[in-house]
Protein backbone atom coordinates (compact mmCIF):
# COMPACT_ATOMS: atom_id res chain seq x y z
CA MET A 1 88.22 92.90 92.00
CA LYS A 2 89.07 90.45 94.77
CA LYS A 3 92.55 92.04 95.08
CA LEU A 4 90.96 95.46 95.50
CA ILE A 5 88.54 94.28 98.21
CA ILE A 6 91.37 92.51 100.07
CA THR A 7 93.52 95.59 99.84
CA VAL A 8 90.67 97.74 101.16
CA MET A 9 90.13 95.35 104.04
CA THR A 10 93.82 95.17 104.85
CA LEU A 11 94.09 98.94 104.88
CA GLY A 12 91.06 99.12 107.09
CA ILE A 13 92.76 96.93 109.57
CA LEU A 14 95.87 99.10 109.48
CA LEU A 15 93.75 102.23 109.88
CA THR A 16 92.16 100.83 113.02
CA ALA A 17 95.70 100.33 114.44
CA CYS A 18 96.64 103.94 113.75
CA THR A 19 96.27 106.27 116.67
CA GLY A 20 98.55 109.11 115.74
CA SER A 21 97.59 112.71 116.29
CA ASN A 22 97.39 113.22 112.52
CA TRP A 23 93.95 111.61 112.56
CA GLN A 24 92.30 114.72 114.04
CA PHE A 25 92.08 117.75 111.81
CA PRO A 26 91.33 121.10 113.54
CA VAL A 27 87.85 122.48 112.98
CA ASP A 28 87.75 125.01 115.85
CA HIS A 29 87.49 127.88 113.29
CA LEU A 30 84.14 126.54 111.96
CA PRO A 31 80.82 127.86 113.31
CA GLU A 32 79.21 125.54 115.87
CA GLU A 33 75.97 125.62 113.77
CA PHE A 34 77.84 124.05 110.85
CA LEU A 35 79.35 121.42 113.16
CA ASP A 36 75.89 120.60 114.65
CA ILE A 37 74.47 120.03 111.14
CA GLN A 38 77.33 117.62 110.32
CA ARG A 39 76.60 115.65 113.56
CA GLU A 40 72.90 115.51 112.75
CA VAL A 41 73.53 114.20 109.24
CA ILE A 42 75.84 111.58 110.66
CA ASP A 43 73.17 110.45 113.18
CA GLU A 44 70.49 110.33 110.42
CA ASN A 45 72.65 108.18 108.19
CA LEU A 46 73.79 105.94 110.99
CA GLU A 47 70.13 105.17 111.56
CA ILE A 48 69.76 104.27 107.87
CA LEU A 49 72.76 101.98 108.19
CA LYS A 50 71.20 100.19 111.15
CA GLU A 51 68.39 99.11 108.72
CA ASN A 52 70.56 98.73 105.64
CA PRO A 53 74.33 98.31 106.33
CA ASP A 54 75.10 98.12 102.63
CA ASN A 55 73.65 101.50 101.74
CA PHE A 56 76.42 103.15 99.81
CA ASP A 57 74.98 106.73 99.99
CA ALA A 58 74.52 106.59 103.73
CA THR A 59 77.98 105.05 104.26
CA PHE A 60 79.62 107.65 102.01
CA GLU A 61 77.73 110.46 103.65
CA VAL A 62 78.90 109.46 107.12
CA GLY A 63 82.44 109.39 105.89
CA TYR A 64 82.08 112.78 104.32
CA ARG A 65 80.53 114.35 107.40
CA TYR A 66 83.14 112.93 109.66
CA GLY A 67 85.70 114.52 107.40
CA GLN A 68 83.84 117.85 107.75
CA LEU A 69 84.15 117.49 111.52
CA GLY A 70 87.91 116.82 111.18
CA GLN A 71 87.56 113.24 112.44
CA LEU A 72 89.77 111.78 109.78
CA LYS A 73 90.09 108.27 111.28
CA ASN A 74 86.27 107.88 111.31
CA ALA A 75 86.02 109.43 107.79
CA ALA A 76 88.56 106.97 106.39
CA GLU A 77 86.80 104.02 108.15
CA TYR A 78 83.50 104.85 106.46
CA TYR A 79 85.10 105.55 103.07
CA LEU A 80 86.76 102.15 103.28
CA LYS A 81 83.31 100.58 103.97
CA ALA A 82 81.84 102.58 101.03
CA LEU A 83 84.55 101.09 98.81
CA GLU A 84 83.64 97.66 99.99
CA ILE A 85 80.09 98.30 98.85
CA ALA A 86 81.06 100.08 95.59
CA PRO A 87 84.72 99.23 94.76
CA LEU A 88 84.76 101.40 91.62
CA SER A 89 83.50 104.62 93.15
CA SER A 90 85.82 107.38 92.02
CA ARG A 91 84.44 109.91 94.48
CA THR A 92 85.17 107.55 97.32
CA MET A 93 88.74 106.90 96.13
CA ASN A 94 89.21 110.63 95.75
CA ASN A 95 87.86 111.45 99.20
CA LEU A 96 89.81 108.62 100.79
CA ALA A 97 93.03 109.80 99.19
CA ASN A 98 92.36 113.35 100.39
CA THR A 99 91.54 112.05 103.91
CA TYR A 100 94.79 110.13 104.18
CA GLU A 101 96.66 113.16 102.76
CA LYS A 102 95.19 115.38 105.48
CA ALA A 103 96.24 112.76 108.07
CA LYS A 104 99.75 112.88 106.50
CA GLU A 105 99.52 109.17 105.67
CA TYR A 106 100.93 109.76 102.14
CA GLU A 107 101.66 106.17 101.18
CA GLU A 108 98.00 105.27 101.84
CA ALA A 109 96.86 108.42 100.10
CA ALA A 110 98.92 107.45 97.09
CA ILE A 111 97.19 104.10 96.82
CA TYR A 112 93.74 105.67 96.43
CA ALA A 113 94.91 108.64 94.31
CA LYS A 114 96.52 106.12 91.89
CA MET A 115 93.34 103.99 91.78
CA ASN A 116 91.24 107.09 91.08
CA PHE A 117 93.64 108.31 88.38
CA GLU A 118 93.64 104.84 86.75
CA ARG A 119 89.87 105.14 86.37
CA ASN A 120 90.00 108.76 85.21
CA THR A 121 93.09 109.20 83.06
CA THR A 122 91.71 112.16 81.26
CA ASN A 123 90.48 114.03 84.38
CA ILE A 124 92.55 117.07 85.16
CA GLU A 125 91.70 117.06 88.89
CA ALA A 126 92.55 113.41 89.23
CA LEU A 127 95.87 114.09 87.51
CA LYS A 128 96.71 117.09 89.75
CA ASP A 129 95.73 115.11 92.90
CA VAL A 130 97.75 112.01 91.96
CA VAL A 131 100.88 114.08 91.14
CA ARG A 132 100.64 116.17 94.37
CA ILE A 133 100.10 113.08 96.54
CA LEU A 134 102.70 110.93 94.80
CA LEU A 135 105.34 113.61 95.39
CA LYS A 136 104.35 113.69 99.11
CA ALA A 137 104.63 109.93 99.08
CA ASP A 138 108.19 110.17 97.65
CA GLU A 139 107.12 108.60 94.27
CA PRO A 140 108.32 111.13 91.69
CA ASN A 141 108.75 108.47 88.98
CA ASN A 142 105.14 107.41 89.35
CA ALA A 143 104.05 111.05 89.28
CA ALA A 144 105.98 111.54 85.99
CA SER A 145 104.35 108.33 84.63
CA ALA A 146 100.91 109.74 85.49
CA VAL A 147 101.66 112.89 83.54
CA SER A 148 102.78 110.79 80.56
CA GLU A 149 99.73 108.60 80.80
CA PHE A 150 97.53 111.73 80.79
CA LEU A 151 99.33 113.07 77.77
CA VAL A 152 98.65 109.84 75.84
CA ALA A 153 95.08 109.61 76.96
CA THR A 154 94.31 113.22 75.91
CA SER A 155 96.25 113.24 72.67
CA LEU A 156 94.56 114.47 69.53
CA GLU A 157 93.56 112.13 66.81
CA ASP A 158 96.84 112.66 64.99
CA GLY A 159 98.74 111.58 68.13
CA GLN A 160 99.87 115.05 68.96
CA PRO A 161 99.54 116.32 72.53
CA ASN A 162 96.43 118.40 73.18
CA PRO A 163 97.63 122.04 73.30
CA ASN A 164 94.84 122.85 75.78
CA TYR A 165 96.79 121.05 78.45
CA ALA A 166 100.25 122.58 77.75
CA LEU A 167 100.22 124.90 80.82
CA LEU A 168 98.99 122.19 83.17
CA ILE A 169 101.63 119.73 81.96
CA SER A 170 104.34 122.36 82.18
CA GLU A 171 103.32 123.20 85.82
CA LEU A 172 103.18 119.54 86.87
CA SER A 173 106.47 118.77 85.15
CA GLN A 174 108.08 121.74 86.98
CA ASP A 175 106.70 120.41 90.25
CA ILE A 176 108.26 116.99 89.61
CA HIS A 177 111.56 118.57 88.50
CA ALA A 178 111.63 120.77 91.66
CA TYR A 179 110.96 117.69 93.88
CA ASN A 180 113.74 115.77 92.18
CA THR A 181 116.14 118.73 92.47
CA GLU A 182 115.39 119.23 96.18
CA ASN A 183 115.69 115.55 96.98
CA THR A 184 118.91 114.76 95.11
CA GLU A 185 121.11 117.40 96.69
């Protein structure tokens, strides 16, 4: 637990140092009314945080709404704060991984995608996310390991792979193979 908190704090410091253009996601295609609502919700939750800085829901909500506004640096900052409050929050790990992925910070995205998958080894979406992000982070062996871990975690009582996941496993395995083929030539 202490290692997780230290890692979250360290990455928060690194995030503060990042000023690249990847930290702004375009939202000019969204209606102004939608954007205004996001800003209002941020303001409401920031008021809650003035009174109670450890309010997980308000902290998470500010991160989420900043993400909706395309302000990825601010979103990641609040998701990191949310993880400090609730270090085992899968939805925060998931959103943080997706935020870093949108910012094209794949190594950081991989950290949180792996953390989320470790907590949810039987979750299809967590598996698809971790494989996709690990390939972007140039970690095909870890992506293959995640697929194997999912297979073991979802095996039937007799130890056989669950046939319900055959298509998913085939598609992910093909993605990993294609990545390896493209990157070994």
